[in-house]
Amino acid sequence: FKYSRKSNNEHIFITNPYCSIIGSTQPGRLAEQFGGKRLVNGFSS
C-alpha cells in the first residue's frame, strides 16, 4: 500500500507491510470496540 504525508509531501510505499497488534480490554468495552459495523465488515473477526 501507499501512504502520503501531506505535512512534508512525503510518499511512502511499503511492498510487504508487517504489523501485528496486541493489547487488552474489558468485556464491557467489547460492544463499543468490536460491535456494530465492525462485527460484520470483518474488522472484529
PDB file of all heavy atoms in Angstrom:
ATOM      1  N   PHE A   1       0.831  -1.199   0.000  1.00  0.00           N
ATOM      2  CA  PHE A   1       0.000   0.000   0.000  1.00  0.00           C
ATOM      3  C   PHE A   1       0.868   1.252   0.000  1.00  0.00           C
ATOM      4  O   PHE A   1       2.064   1.214   0.320  1.00  0.00           O
ATOM      5  CB  PHE A   1      -0.964   0.009   1.202  1.00  0.00           C
ATOM      6  CG  PHE A   1      -0.306   0.300   2.526  1.00  0.00           C
ATOM      7  CD1 PHE A   1      -0.222   1.596   3.005  1.00  0.00           C
ATOM      8  CD2 PHE A   1       0.207  -0.730   3.289  1.00  0.00           C
ATOM      9  CE1 PHE A   1       0.372   1.862   4.228  1.00  0.00           C
ATOM     10  CE2 PHE A   1       0.805  -0.469   4.510  1.00  0.00           C
ATOM     11  CZ  PHE A   1       0.885   0.836   4.975  1.00  0.00           C
ATOM     12  N   LYS A   2       0.249   2.366  -0.370  1.00  0.00           N
ATOM     13  CA  LYS A   2       0.915   3.668  -0.403  1.00  0.00           C
ATOM     14  C   LYS A   2       0.324   4.556   0.677  1.00  0.00           C
ATOM     15  O   LYS A   2      -0.854   4.451   1.021  1.00  0.00           O
ATOM     16  CB  LYS A   2       0.724   4.336  -1.768  1.00  0.00           C
ATOM     17  CG  LYS A   2       1.362   3.585  -2.923  1.00  0.00           C
ATOM     18  CD  LYS A   2       1.109   4.313  -4.233  1.00  0.00           C
ATOM     19  CE  LYS A   2       1.726   3.569  -5.410  1.00  0.00           C
ATOM     20  NZ  LYS A   2       1.479   4.267  -6.698  1.00  0.00           N
ATOM     21  N   TYR A   3       1.173   5.443   1.195  1.00  0.00           N
ATOM     22  CA  TYR A   3       0.729   6.396   2.207  1.00  0.00           C
ATOM     23  C   TYR A   3       1.392   7.736   1.931  1.00  0.00           C
ATOM     24  O   TYR A   3       2.599   7.805   1.685  1.00  0.00           O
ATOM     25  CB  TYR A   3       1.107   5.898   3.604  1.00  0.00           C
ATOM     26  CG  TYR A   3       0.661   6.817   4.725  1.00  0.00           C
ATOM     27  CD1 TYR A   3      -0.654   6.793   5.183  1.00  0.00           C
ATOM     28  CD2 TYR A   3       1.561   7.692   5.329  1.00  0.00           C
ATOM     29  CE1 TYR A   3      -1.075   7.623   6.213  1.00  0.00           C
ATOM     30  CE2 TYR A   3       1.152   8.520   6.361  1.00  0.00           C
ATOM     31  CZ  TYR A   3      -0.158   8.487   6.801  1.00  0.00           C
ATOM     32  OH  TYR A   3      -0.565   9.322   7.817  1.00  0.00           O
ATOM     33  N   SER A   4       0.610   8.776   1.941  1.00  0.00           N
ATOM     34  CA  SER A   4       1.134  10.118   1.662  1.00  0.00           C
ATOM     35  C   SER A   4       1.056  10.971   2.918  1.00  0.00           C
ATOM     36  O   SER A   4       0.006  11.054   3.564  1.00  0.00           O
ATOM     37  CB  SER A   4       0.334  10.790   0.541  1.00  0.00           C
ATOM     38  OG  SER A   4       0.466  10.069  -0.654  1.00  0.00           O
ATOM     39  N   ARG A   5       2.180  11.593   3.259  1.00  0.00           N
ATOM     40  CA  ARG A   5       2.224  12.532   4.369  1.00  0.00           C
ATOM     41  C   ARG A   5       2.094  13.943   3.804  1.00  0.00           C
ATOM     42  O   ARG A   5       3.023  14.468   3.178  1.00  0.00           O
ATOM     43  CB  ARG A   5       3.555  12.420   5.114  1.00  0.00           C
ATOM     44  CG  ARG A   5       3.649  11.276   6.087  1.00  0.00           C
ATOM     45  CD  ARG A   5       5.063  11.206   6.602  1.00  0.00           C
ATOM     46  NE  ARG A   5       5.166  10.554   7.888  1.00  0.00           N
ATOM     47  CZ  ARG A   5       6.316  10.355   8.510  1.00  0.00           C
ATOM     48  NH1 ARG A   5       7.447  10.775   7.957  1.00  0.00           N
ATOM     49  NH2 ARG A   5       6.347   9.759   9.675  1.00  0.00           N
ATOM     50  N   LYS A   6       0.954  14.539   4.006  1.00  0.00           N
ATOM     51  CA  LYS A   6       0.736  15.871   3.458  1.00  0.00           C
ATOM     52  C   LYS A   6       1.603  16.919   4.142  1.00  0.00           C
ATOM     53  O   LYS A   6       1.927  17.949   3.560  1.00  0.00           O
ATOM     54  CB  LYS A   6      -0.743  16.243   3.592  1.00  0.00           C
ATOM     55  CG  LYS A   6      -1.658  15.377   2.735  1.00  0.00           C
ATOM     56  CD  LYS A   6      -3.112  15.806   2.853  1.00  0.00           C
ATOM     57  CE  LYS A   6      -3.998  14.925   1.986  1.00  0.00           C
ATOM     58  NZ  LYS A   6      -5.440  15.300   2.104  1.00  0.00           N
ATOM     59  N   SER A   7       1.979  16.658   5.404  1.00  0.00           N
ATOM     60  CA  SER A   7       2.751  17.636   6.162  1.00  0.00           C
ATOM     61  C   SER A   7       4.087  17.953   5.514  1.00  0.00           C
ATOM     62  O   SER A   7       4.549  19.098   5.531  1.00  0.00           O
ATOM     63  CB  SER A   7       2.975  17.133   7.589  1.00  0.00           C
ATOM     64  OG  SER A   7       3.631  15.875   7.569  1.00  0.00           O
ATOM     65  N   ASN A   8       4.746  16.946   4.932  1.00  0.00           N
ATOM     66  CA  ASN A   8       6.055  17.193   4.305  1.00  0.00           C
ATOM     67  C   ASN A   8       6.111  16.660   2.874  1.00  0.00           C
ATOM     68  O   ASN A   8       7.195  16.485   2.322  1.00  0.00           O
ATOM     69  CB  ASN A   8       7.177  16.568   5.138  1.00  0.00           C
ATOM     70  CG  ASN A   8       6.979  15.068   5.320  1.00  0.00           C
ATOM     71  OD1 ASN A   8       6.046  14.485   4.772  1.00  0.00           O
ATOM     72  ND2 ASN A   8       7.864  14.450   6.070  1.00  0.00           N
ATOM     73  N   ASN A   9       4.932  16.390   2.293  1.00  0.00           N
ATOM     74  CA  ASN A   9       4.844  15.931   0.905  1.00  0.00           C
ATOM     75  C   ASN A   9       5.650  14.652   0.672  1.00  0.00           C
ATOM     76  O   ASN A   9       6.233  14.459  -0.390  1.00  0.00           O
ATOM     77  CB  ASN A   9       5.308  17.042  -0.058  1.00  0.00           C
ATOM     78  CG  ASN A   9       4.796  16.806  -1.478  1.00  0.00           C
ATOM     79  OD1 ASN A   9       3.712  16.241  -1.664  1.00  0.00           O
ATOM     80  ND2 ASN A   9       5.565  17.217  -2.460  1.00  0.00           N
ATOM     81  N   GLU A  10       5.663  13.765   1.659  1.00  0.00           N
ATOM     82  CA  GLU A  10       6.393  12.506   1.558  1.00  0.00           C
ATOM     83  C   GLU A  10       5.431  11.389   1.160  1.00  0.00           C
ATOM     84  O   GLU A  10       4.325  11.282   1.678  1.00  0.00           O
ATOM     85  CB  GLU A  10       7.048  12.157   2.895  1.00  0.00           C
ATOM     86  CG  GLU A  10       7.843  10.854   2.854  1.00  0.00           C
ATOM     87  CD  GLU A  10       8.410  10.481   4.212  1.00  0.00           C
ATOM     88  OE1 GLU A  10       7.968  11.063   5.225  1.00  0.00           O
ATOM     89  OE2 GLU A  10       9.274   9.592   4.261  1.00  0.00           O
ATOM     90  N   HIS A  11       5.875  10.541   0.244  1.00  0.00           N
ATOM     91  CA  HIS A  11       5.064   9.413  -0.216  1.00  0.00           C
ATOM     92  C   HIS A  11       5.787   8.122   0.158  1.00  0.00           C
ATOM     93  O   HIS A  11       6.936   7.911  -0.230  1.00  0.00           O
ATOM     94  CB  HIS A  11       4.832   9.489  -1.719  1.00  0.00           C
ATOM     95  CG  HIS A  11       4.133  10.742  -2.149  1.00  0.00           C
ATOM     96  ND1 HIS A  11       2.762  10.902  -2.067  1.00  0.00           N
ATOM     97  CD2 HIS A  11       4.614  11.907  -2.635  1.00  0.00           C
ATOM     98  CE1 HIS A  11       2.426  12.099  -2.507  1.00  0.00           C
ATOM     99  NE2 HIS A  11       3.538  12.732  -2.849  1.00  0.00           N
ATOM    100  N   ILE A  12       5.108   7.270   0.904  1.00  0.00           N
ATOM    101  CA  ILE A  12       5.689   6.024   1.389  1.00  0.00           C
ATOM    102  C   ILE A  12       5.000   4.852   0.704  1.00  0.00           C
ATOM    103  O   ILE A  12       3.770   4.761   0.705  1.00  0.00           O
ATOM    104  CB  ILE A  12       5.533   5.896   2.919  1.00  0.00           C
ATOM    105  CG1 ILE A  12       6.232   7.066   3.621  1.00  0.00           C
ATOM    106  CG2 ILE A  12       6.096   4.562   3.409  1.00  0.00           C
ATOM    107  CD1 ILE A  12       5.997   7.101   5.128  1.00  0.00           C
ATOM    108  N   PHE A  13       5.803   3.965   0.106  1.00  0.00           N
ATOM    109  CA  PHE A  13       5.266   2.744  -0.491  1.00  0.00           C
ATOM    110  C   PHE A  13       5.898   1.562   0.223  1.00  0.00           C
ATOM    111  O   PHE A  13       7.125   1.435   0.277  1.00  0.00           O
ATOM    112  CB  PHE A  13       5.582   2.674  -1.986  1.00  0.00           C
ATOM    113  CG  PHE A  13       5.064   1.413  -2.642  1.00  0.00           C
ATOM    114  CD1 PHE A  13       3.716   1.250  -2.896  1.00  0.00           C
ATOM    115  CD2 PHE A  13       5.936   0.377  -2.972  1.00  0.00           C
ATOM    116  CE1 PHE A  13       3.231   0.091  -3.483  1.00  0.00           C
ATOM    117  CE2 PHE A  13       5.468  -0.786  -3.556  1.00  0.00           C
ATOM    118  CZ  PHE A  13       4.104  -0.923  -3.814  1.00  0.00           C
ATOM    119  N   ILE A  14       5.062   0.702   0.801  1.00  0.00           N
ATOM    120  CA  ILE A  14       5.551  -0.467   1.535  1.00  0.00           C
ATOM    121  C   ILE A  14       5.119  -1.723   0.787  1.00  0.00           C
ATOM    122  O   ILE A  14       3.922  -1.987   0.639  1.00  0.00           O
ATOM    123  CB  ILE A  14       5.019  -0.474   2.978  1.00  0.00           C
ATOM    124  CG1 ILE A  14       5.455   0.814   3.693  1.00  0.00           C
ATOM    125  CG2 ILE A  14       5.518  -1.696   3.730  1.00  0.00           C
ATOM    126  CD1 ILE A  14       4.998   0.915   5.123  1.00  0.00           C
ATOM    127  N   THR A  15       6.103  -2.465   0.329  1.00  0.00           N
ATOM    128  CA  THR A  15       5.827  -3.645  -0.504  1.00  0.00           C
ATOM    129  C   THR A  15       5.234  -4.798   0.302  1.00  0.00           C
ATOM    130  O   THR A  15       4.261  -5.429  -0.120  1.00  0.00           O
ATOM    131  CB  THR A  15       7.130  -4.126  -1.177  1.00  0.00           C
ATOM    132  OG1 THR A  15       7.735  -3.030  -1.848  1.00  0.00           O
ATOM    133  CG2 THR A  15       6.845  -5.236  -2.171  1.00  0.00           C
ATOM    134  N   ASN A  16       5.846  -5.097   1.445  1.00  0.00           N
ATOM    135  CA  ASN A  16       5.384  -6.198   2.284  1.00  0.00           C
ATOM    136  C   ASN A  16       5.171  -5.699   3.708  1.00  0.00           C
ATOM    137  O   ASN A  16       6.001  -5.939   4.594  1.00  0.00           O
ATOM    138  CB  ASN A  16       6.407  -7.347   2.275  1.00  0.00           C
ATOM    139  CG  ASN A  16       6.494  -8.028   0.930  1.00  0.00           C
ATOM    140  OD1 ASN A  16       5.501  -8.504   0.403  1.00  0.00           O
ATOM    141  ND2 ASN A  16       7.690  -8.065   0.368  1.00  0.00           N
ATOM    142  N   PRO A  17       4.082  -4.994   3.954  1.00  0.00           N
ATOM    143  CA  PRO A  17       3.873  -4.464   5.310  1.00  0.00           C
ATOM    144  C   PRO A  17       3.626  -5.590   6.299  1.00  0.00           C
ATOM    145  O   PRO A  17       2.858  -6.513   6.037  1.00  0.00           O
ATOM    146  CB  PRO A  17       2.630  -3.584   5.153  1.00  0.00           C
ATOM    147  CG  PRO A  17       1.911  -4.147   3.972  1.00  0.00           C
ATOM    148  CD  PRO A  17       2.976  -4.657   3.043  1.00  0.00           C
ATOM    149  N   TYR A  18       4.319  -5.520   7.430  1.00  0.00           N
ATOM    150  CA  TYR A  18       4.065  -6.463   8.522  1.00  0.00           C
ATOM    151  C   TYR A  18       3.768  -5.658   9.777  1.00  0.00           C
ATOM    152  O   TYR A  18       4.602  -4.889  10.253  1.00  0.00           O
ATOM    153  CB  TYR A  18       5.254  -7.383   8.795  1.00  0.00           C
ATOM    154  CG  TYR A  18       4.966  -8.327   9.960  1.00  0.00           C
ATOM    155  CD1 TYR A  18       4.553  -9.631   9.730  1.00  0.00           C
ATOM    156  CD2 TYR A  18       5.061  -7.879  11.279  1.00  0.00           C
ATOM    157  CE1 TYR A  18       4.248 -10.475  10.782  1.00  0.00           C
ATOM    158  CE2 TYR A  18       4.745  -8.722  12.337  1.00  0.00           C
ATOM    159  CZ  TYR A  18       4.345 -10.005  12.088  1.00  0.00           C
ATOM    160  OH  TYR A  18       4.017 -10.835  13.129  1.00  0.00           O
ATOM    161  N   CYS A  19       2.579  -5.850  10.316  1.00  0.00           N
ATOM    162  CA  CYS A  19       2.202  -5.176  11.555  1.00  0.00           C
ATOM    163  C   CYS A  19       1.271  -6.083  12.337  1.00  0.00           C
ATOM    164  O   CYS A  19       0.154  -6.366  11.899  1.00  0.00           O
ATOM    165  CB  CYS A  19       1.526  -3.833  11.263  1.00  0.00           C
ATOM    166  SG  CYS A  19       0.973  -2.968  12.749  1.00  0.00           S
ATOM    167  N   SER A  20       1.738  -6.569  13.477  1.00  0.00           N
ATOM    168  CA  SER A  20       0.871  -7.306  14.398  1.00  0.00           C
ATOM    169  C   SER A  20       0.428  -6.356  15.505  1.00  0.00           C
ATOM    170  O   SER A  20       1.048  -5.311  15.726  1.00  0.00           O
ATOM    171  CB  SER A  20       1.608  -8.513  14.986  1.00  0.00           C
ATOM    172  OG  SER A  20       1.665  -9.575  14.049  1.00  0.00           O
ATOM    173  N   ILE A  21      -0.640  -6.736  16.204  1.00  0.00           N
ATOM    174  CA  ILE A  21      -1.205  -5.899  17.267  1.00  0.00           C
ATOM    175  C   ILE A  21      -1.512  -6.774  18.466  1.00  0.00           C
ATOM    176  O   ILE A  21      -2.009  -7.889  18.319  1.00  0.00           O
ATOM    177  CB  ILE A  21      -2.515  -5.219  16.815  1.00  0.00           C
ATOM    178  CG1 ILE A  21      -2.289  -4.373  15.560  1.00  0.00           C
ATOM    179  CG2 ILE A  21      -3.086  -4.353  17.933  1.00  0.00           C
ATOM    180  CD1 ILE A  21      -3.581  -3.822  14.951  1.00  0.00           C
ATOM    181  N   ILE A  22      -1.199  -6.258  19.658  1.00  0.00           N
ATOM    182  CA  ILE A  22      -1.621  -6.955  20.875  1.00  0.00           C
ATOM    183  C   ILE A  22      -1.988  -5.928  21.938  1.00  0.00           C
ATOM    184  O   ILE A  22      -1.342  -4.880  22.067  1.00  0.00           O
ATOM    185  CB  ILE A  22      -0.537  -7.923  21.398  1.00  0.00           C
ATOM    186  CG1 ILE A  22      -1.118  -8.811  22.508  1.00  0.00           C
ATOM    187  CG2 ILE A  22       0.713  -7.194  21.862  1.00  0.00           C
ATOM    188  CD1 ILE A  22      -0.273 -10.014  22.863  1.00  0.00           C
ATOM    189  N   GLY A  23      -3.045  -6.232  22.672  1.00  0.00           N
ATOM    190  CA  GLY A  23      -3.493  -5.362  23.748  1.00  0.00           C
ATOM    191  C   GLY A  23      -4.559  -6.076  24.551  1.00  0.00           C
ATOM    192  O   GLY A  23      -4.834  -7.261  24.336  1.00  0.00           O
ATOM    193  N   SER A  24      -5.166  -5.350  25.465  1.00  0.00           N
ATOM    194  CA  SER A  24      -6.187  -5.955  26.315  1.00  0.00           C
ATOM    195  C   SER A  24      -7.399  -5.042  26.409  1.00  0.00           C
ATOM    196  O   SER A  24      -7.324  -3.848  26.078  1.00  0.00           O
ATOM    197  CB  SER A  24      -5.626  -6.214  27.719  1.00  0.00           C
ATOM    198  OG  SER A  24      -5.333  -4.988  28.374  1.00  0.00           O
ATOM    199  N   THR A  25      -8.502  -5.600  26.859  1.00  0.00           N
ATOM    200  CA  THR A  25      -9.720  -4.819  27.045  1.00  0.00           C
ATOM    201  C   THR A  25     -10.602  -5.512  28.070  1.00  0.00           C
ATOM    202  O   THR A  25     -10.277  -6.599  28.561  1.00  0.00           O
ATOM    203  CB  THR A  25     -10.472  -4.629  25.716  1.00  0.00           C
ATOM    204  OG1 THR A  25     -11.480  -3.633  25.878  1.00  0.00           O
ATOM    205  CG2 THR A  25     -11.127  -5.924  25.254  1.00  0.00           C
ATOM    206  N   GLN A  26     -11.715  -4.882  28.390  1.00  0.00           N
ATOM    207  CA  GLN A  26     -12.667  -5.415  29.360  1.00  0.00           C
ATOM    208  C   GLN A  26     -13.949  -5.826  28.644  1.00  0.00           C
ATOM    209  O   GLN A  26     -14.302  -5.238  27.616  1.00  0.00           O
ATOM    210  CB  GLN A  26     -12.960  -4.366  30.432  1.00  0.00           C
ATOM    211  CG  GLN A  26     -11.723  -3.949  31.209  1.00  0.00           C
ATOM    212  CD  GLN A  26     -11.948  -2.729  32.077  1.00  0.00           C
ATOM    213  OE1 GLN A  26     -13.090  -2.342  32.330  1.00  0.00           O
ATOM    214  NE2 GLN A  26     -10.863  -2.120  32.528  1.00  0.00           N
ATOM    215  N   PRO A  27     -14.664  -6.805  29.169  1.00  0.00           N
ATOM    216  CA  PRO A  27     -15.884  -7.279  28.494  1.00  0.00           C
ATOM    217  C   PRO A  27     -16.873  -6.157  28.200  1.00  0.00           C
ATOM    218  O   PRO A  27     -17.516  -6.158  27.148  1.00  0.00           O
ATOM    219  CB  PRO A  27     -16.460  -8.293  29.488  1.00  0.00           C
ATOM    220  CG  PRO A  27     -15.286  -8.778  30.268  1.00  0.00           C
ATOM    221  CD  PRO A  27     -14.359  -7.605  30.382  1.00  0.00           C
ATOM    222  N   GLY A  28     -16.994  -5.207  29.116  1.00  0.00           N
ATOM    223  CA  GLY A  28     -17.952  -4.127  28.930  1.00  0.00           C
ATOM    224  C   GLY A  28     -17.621  -3.166  27.818  1.00  0.00           C
ATOM    225  O   GLY A  28     -18.472  -2.367  27.402  1.00  0.00           O
ATOM    226  N   ARG A  29     -16.380  -3.230  27.307  1.00  0.00           N
ATOM    227  CA  ARG A  29     -15.969  -2.341  26.221  1.00  0.00           C
ATOM    228  C   ARG A  29     -16.076  -2.995  24.852  1.00  0.00           C
ATOM    229  O   ARG A  29     -15.875  -2.341  23.825  1.00  0.00           O
ATOM    230  CB  ARG A  29     -14.507  -1.887  26.421  1.00  0.00           C
ATOM    231  CG  ARG A  29     -14.197  -1.237  27.748  1.00  0.00           C
ATOM    232  CD  ARG A  29     -15.054   0.000  27.997  1.00  0.00           C
ATOM    233  NE  ARG A  29     -14.969   0.961  26.921  1.00  0.00           N
ATOM    234  CZ  ARG A  29     -13.994   1.867  26.800  1.00  0.00           C
ATOM    235  NH1 ARG A  29     -13.034   1.925  27.710  1.00  0.00           N
ATOM    236  NH2 ARG A  29     -13.992   2.732  25.803  1.00  0.00           N
ATOM    237  N   LEU A  30     -16.389  -4.289  24.815  1.00  0.00           N
ATOM    238  CA  LEU A  30     -16.365  -5.022  23.551  1.00  0.00           C
ATOM    239  C   LEU A  30     -17.388  -4.504  22.548  1.00  0.00           C
ATOM    240  O   LEU A  30     -17.104  -4.439  21.350  1.00  0.00           O
ATOM    241  CB  LEU A  30     -16.606  -6.513  23.807  1.00  0.00           C
ATOM    242  CG  LEU A  30     -15.455  -7.256  24.498  1.00  0.00           C
ATOM    243  CD1 LEU A  30     -15.914  -8.626  24.971  1.00  0.00           C
ATOM    244  CD2 LEU A  30     -14.263  -7.384  23.550  1.00  0.00           C
ATOM    245  N   ALA A  31     -18.579  -4.144  23.006  1.00  0.00           N
ATOM    246  CA  ALA A  31     -19.618  -3.675  22.083  1.00  0.00           C
ATOM    247  C   ALA A  31     -19.180  -2.408  21.383  1.00  0.00           C
ATOM    248  O   ALA A  31     -19.368  -2.250  20.175  1.00  0.00           O
ATOM    249  CB  ALA A  31     -20.924  -3.445  22.846  1.00  0.00           C
ATOM    250  N   GLU A  32     -18.576  -1.502  22.131  1.00  0.00           N
ATOM    251  CA  GLU A  32     -18.103  -0.238  21.554  1.00  0.00           C
ATOM    252  C   GLU A  32     -16.950  -0.462  20.594  1.00  0.00           C
ATOM    253  O   GLU A  32     -16.849   0.190  19.550  1.00  0.00           O
ATOM    254  CB  GLU A  32     -17.674   0.688  22.696  1.00  0.00           C
ATOM    255  CG  GLU A  32     -17.080   2.015  22.247  1.00  0.00           C
ATOM    256  CD  GLU A  32     -16.529   2.808  23.410  1.00  0.00           C
ATOM    257  OE1 GLU A  32     -16.806   2.462  24.579  1.00  0.00           O
ATOM    258  OE2 GLU A  32     -15.814   3.805  23.157  1.00  0.00           O
ATOM    259  N   GLN A  33     -16.056  -1.381  20.949  1.00  0.00           N
ATOM    260  CA  GLN A  33     -14.829  -1.575  20.168  1.00  0.00           C
ATOM    261  C   GLN A  33     -15.014  -2.512  18.976  1.00  0.00           C
ATOM    262  O   GLN A  33     -14.361  -2.319  17.939  1.00  0.00           O
ATOM    263  CB  GLN A  33     -13.731  -2.116  21.090  1.00  0.00           C
ATOM    264  CG  GLN A  33     -13.312  -1.142  22.165  1.00  0.00           C
ATOM    265  CD  GLN A  33     -12.541  -1.806  23.291  1.00  0.00           C
ATOM    266  OE1 GLN A  33     -12.494  -3.032  23.404  1.00  0.00           O
ATOM    267  NE2 GLN A  33     -11.927  -1.002  24.142  1.00  0.00           N
ATOM    268  N   PHE A  34     -15.875  -3.525  19.113  1.00  0.00           N
ATOM    269  CA  PHE A  34     -15.987  -4.541  18.061  1.00  0.00           C
ATOM    270  C   PHE A  34     -17.416  -4.796  17.611  1.00  0.00           C
ATOM    271  O   PHE A  34     -17.651  -5.695  16.805  1.00  0.00           O
ATOM    272  CB  PHE A  34     -15.361  -5.859  18.544  1.00  0.00           C
ATOM    273  CG  PHE A  34     -13.903  -5.761  18.849  1.00  0.00           C
ATOM    274  CD1 PHE A  34     -13.460  -5.730  20.168  1.00  0.00           C
ATOM    275  CD2 PHE A  34     -12.973  -5.660  17.831  1.00  0.00           C
ATOM    276  CE1 PHE A  34     -12.101  -5.627  20.460  1.00  0.00           C
ATOM    277  CE2 PHE A  34     -11.621  -5.549  18.116  1.00  0.00           C
ATOM    278  CZ  PHE A  34     -11.181  -5.533  19.433  1.00  0.00           C
ATOM    279  N   GLY A  35     -18.375  -4.024  18.100  1.00  0.00           N
ATOM    280  CA  GLY A  35     -19.756  -4.207  17.703  1.00  0.00           C
ATOM    281  C   GLY A  35     -20.130  -3.383  16.489  1.00  0.00           C
ATOM    282  O   GLY A  35     -19.278  -2.798  15.818  1.00  0.00           O
ATOM    283  N   GLY A  36     -21.437  -3.328  16.208  1.00  0.00           N
ATOM    284  CA  GLY A  36     -21.932  -2.528  15.087  1.00  0.00           C
ATOM    285  C   GLY A  36     -21.375  -3.001  13.763  1.00  0.00           C
ATOM    286  O   GLY A  36     -21.270  -4.201  13.497  1.00  0.00           O
ATOM    287  N   LYS A  37     -20.968  -2.071  12.924  1.00  0.00           N
ATOM    288  CA  LYS A  37     -20.468  -2.433  11.594  1.00  0.00           C
ATOM    289  C   LYS A  37     -19.155  -3.205  11.668  1.00  0.00           C
ATOM    290  O   LYS A  37     -18.827  -3.980  10.760  1.00  0.00           O
ATOM    291  CB  LYS A  37     -20.300  -1.183  10.731  1.00  0.00           C
ATOM    292  CG  LYS A  37     -19.150  -0.278  11.140  1.00  0.00           C
ATOM    293  CD  LYS A  37     -18.937   0.836  10.133  1.00  0.00           C
ATOM    294  CE  LYS A  37     -17.701   1.675  10.483  1.00  0.00           C
ATOM    295  NZ  LYS A  37     -17.438   2.739   9.498  1.00  0.00           N
ATOM    296  N   ARG A  38     -18.395  -3.024  12.752  1.00  0.00           N
ATOM    297  CA  ARG A  38     -17.134  -3.756  12.884  1.00  0.00           C
ATOM    298  C   ARG A  38     -17.357  -5.249  13.075  1.00  0.00           C
ATOM    299  O   ARG A  38     -16.454  -6.050  12.859  1.00  0.00           O
ATOM    300  CB  ARG A  38     -16.327  -3.202  14.063  1.00  0.00           C
ATOM    301  CG  ARG A  38     -15.738  -1.822  13.815  1.00  0.00           C
ATOM    302  CD  ARG A  38     -14.974  -1.316  15.024  1.00  0.00           C
ATOM    303  NE  ARG A  38     -14.343  -0.031  14.732  1.00  0.00           N
ATOM    304  CZ  ARG A  38     -13.700   0.696  15.628  1.00  0.00           C
ATOM    305  NH1 ARG A  38     -13.618   0.266  16.879  1.00  0.00           N
ATOM    306  NH2 ARG A  38     -13.153   1.851  15.296  1.00  0.00           N
ATOM    307  N   LEU A  39     -18.579  -5.609  13.489  1.00  0.00           N
ATOM    308  CA  LEU A  39     -18.890  -7.021  13.671  1.00  0.00           C
ATOM    309  C   LEU A  39     -19.147  -7.720  12.348  1.00  0.00           C
ATOM    310  O   LEU A  39     -18.916  -8.919  12.206  1.00  0.00           O
ATOM    311  CB  LEU A  39     -20.116  -7.159  14.590  1.00  0.00           C
ATOM    312  CG  LEU A  39     -20.420  -8.542  15.166  1.00  0.00           C
ATOM    313  CD1 LEU A  39     -19.278  -9.007  16.069  1.00  0.00           C
ATOM    314  CD2 LEU A  39     -21.720  -8.524  15.945  1.00  0.00           C
ATOM    315  N   VAL A  40     -19.622  -6.963  11.344  1.00  0.00           N
ATOM    316  CA  VAL A  40     -19.999  -7.583  10.074  1.00  0.00           C
ATOM    317  C   VAL A  40     -19.059  -7.243   8.919  1.00  0.00           C
ATOM    318  O   VAL A  40     -19.115  -7.886   7.875  1.00  0.00           O
ATOM    319  CB  VAL A  40     -21.448  -7.196   9.685  1.00  0.00           C
ATOM    320  CG1 VAL A  40     -22.422  -7.752  10.693  1.00  0.00           C
ATOM    321  CG2 VAL A  40     -21.608  -5.688   9.569  1.00  0.00           C
ATOM    322  N   ASN A  41     -18.187  -6.231   9.079  1.00  0.00           N
ATOM    323  CA  ASN A  41     -17.297  -5.865   7.968  1.00  0.00           C
ATOM    324  C   ASN A  41     -15.950  -6.572   8.038  1.00  0.00           C
ATOM    325  O   ASN A  41     -15.053  -6.280   7.254  1.00  0.00           O
ATOM    326  CB  ASN A  41     -17.100  -4.347   7.902  1.00  0.00           C
ATOM    327  CG  ASN A  41     -16.258  -3.797   9.057  1.00  0.00           C
ATOM    328  OD1 ASN A  41     -15.849  -4.537   9.952  1.00  0.00           O
ATOM    329  ND2 ASN A  41     -16.004  -2.500   9.035  1.00  0.00           N
ATOM    330  N   GLY A  42     -15.800  -7.508   8.986  1.00  0.00           N
ATOM    331  CA  GLY A  42     -14.555  -8.262   9.078  1.00  0.00           C
ATOM    332  C   GLY A  42     -13.534  -7.658  10.006  1.00  0.00           C
ATOM    333  O   GLY A  42     -12.489  -8.268  10.264  1.00  0.00           O
ATOM    334  N   PHE A  43     -13.800  -6.465  10.544  1.00  0.00           N
ATOM    335  CA  PHE A  43     -12.826  -5.840  11.450  1.00  0.00           C
ATOM    336  C   PHE A  43     -12.726  -6.637  12.743  1.00  0.00           C
ATOM    337  O   PHE A  43     -11.635  -6.972  13.207  1.00  0.00           O
ATOM    338  CB  PHE A  43     -13.222  -4.389  11.745  1.00  0.00           C
ATOM    339  CG  PHE A  43     -12.246  -3.676  12.640  1.00  0.00           C
ATOM    340  CD1 PHE A  43     -11.130  -3.049  12.106  1.00  0.00           C
ATOM    341  CD2 PHE A  43     -12.434  -3.633  14.009  1.00  0.00           C
ATOM    342  CE1 PHE A  43     -10.216  -2.397  12.935  1.00  0.00           C
ATOM    343  CE2 PHE A  43     -11.538  -2.979  14.842  1.00  0.00           C
ATOM    344  CZ  PHE A  43     -10.429  -2.363  14.300  1.00  0.00           C
ATOM    345  N   SER A  44     -13.863  -6.950  13.352  1.00  0.00           N
ATOM    346  CA  SER A  44     -13.854  -7.684  14.623  1.00  0.00           C
ATOM    347  C   SER A  44     -13.219  -9.061  14.471  1.00  0.00           C
ATOM    348  O   SER A  44     -12.424  -9.484  15.311  1.00  0.00           O
ATOM    349  CB  SER A  44     -15.286  -7.829  15.149  1.00  0.00           C
ATOM    350  OG  SER A  44     -15.310  -8.600  16.329  1.00  0.00           O
ATOM    351  N   SER A  45     -13.538  -9.764  13.397  1.00  0.00           N
ATOM    352  CA  SER A  45     -13.030 -11.129  13.224  1.00  0.00           C
ATOM    353  C   SER A  45     -11.538 -11.163  12.908  1.00  0.00           C
ATOM    354  O   SER A  45     -10.919 -12.226  12.985  1.00  0.00           O
ATOM    355  CB  SER A  45     -13.808 -11.857  12.119  1.00  0.00           C
ATOM    356  OG  SER A  45     -13.733 -11.166  10.891  1.00  0.00           O
TER     357      SER A  45
END
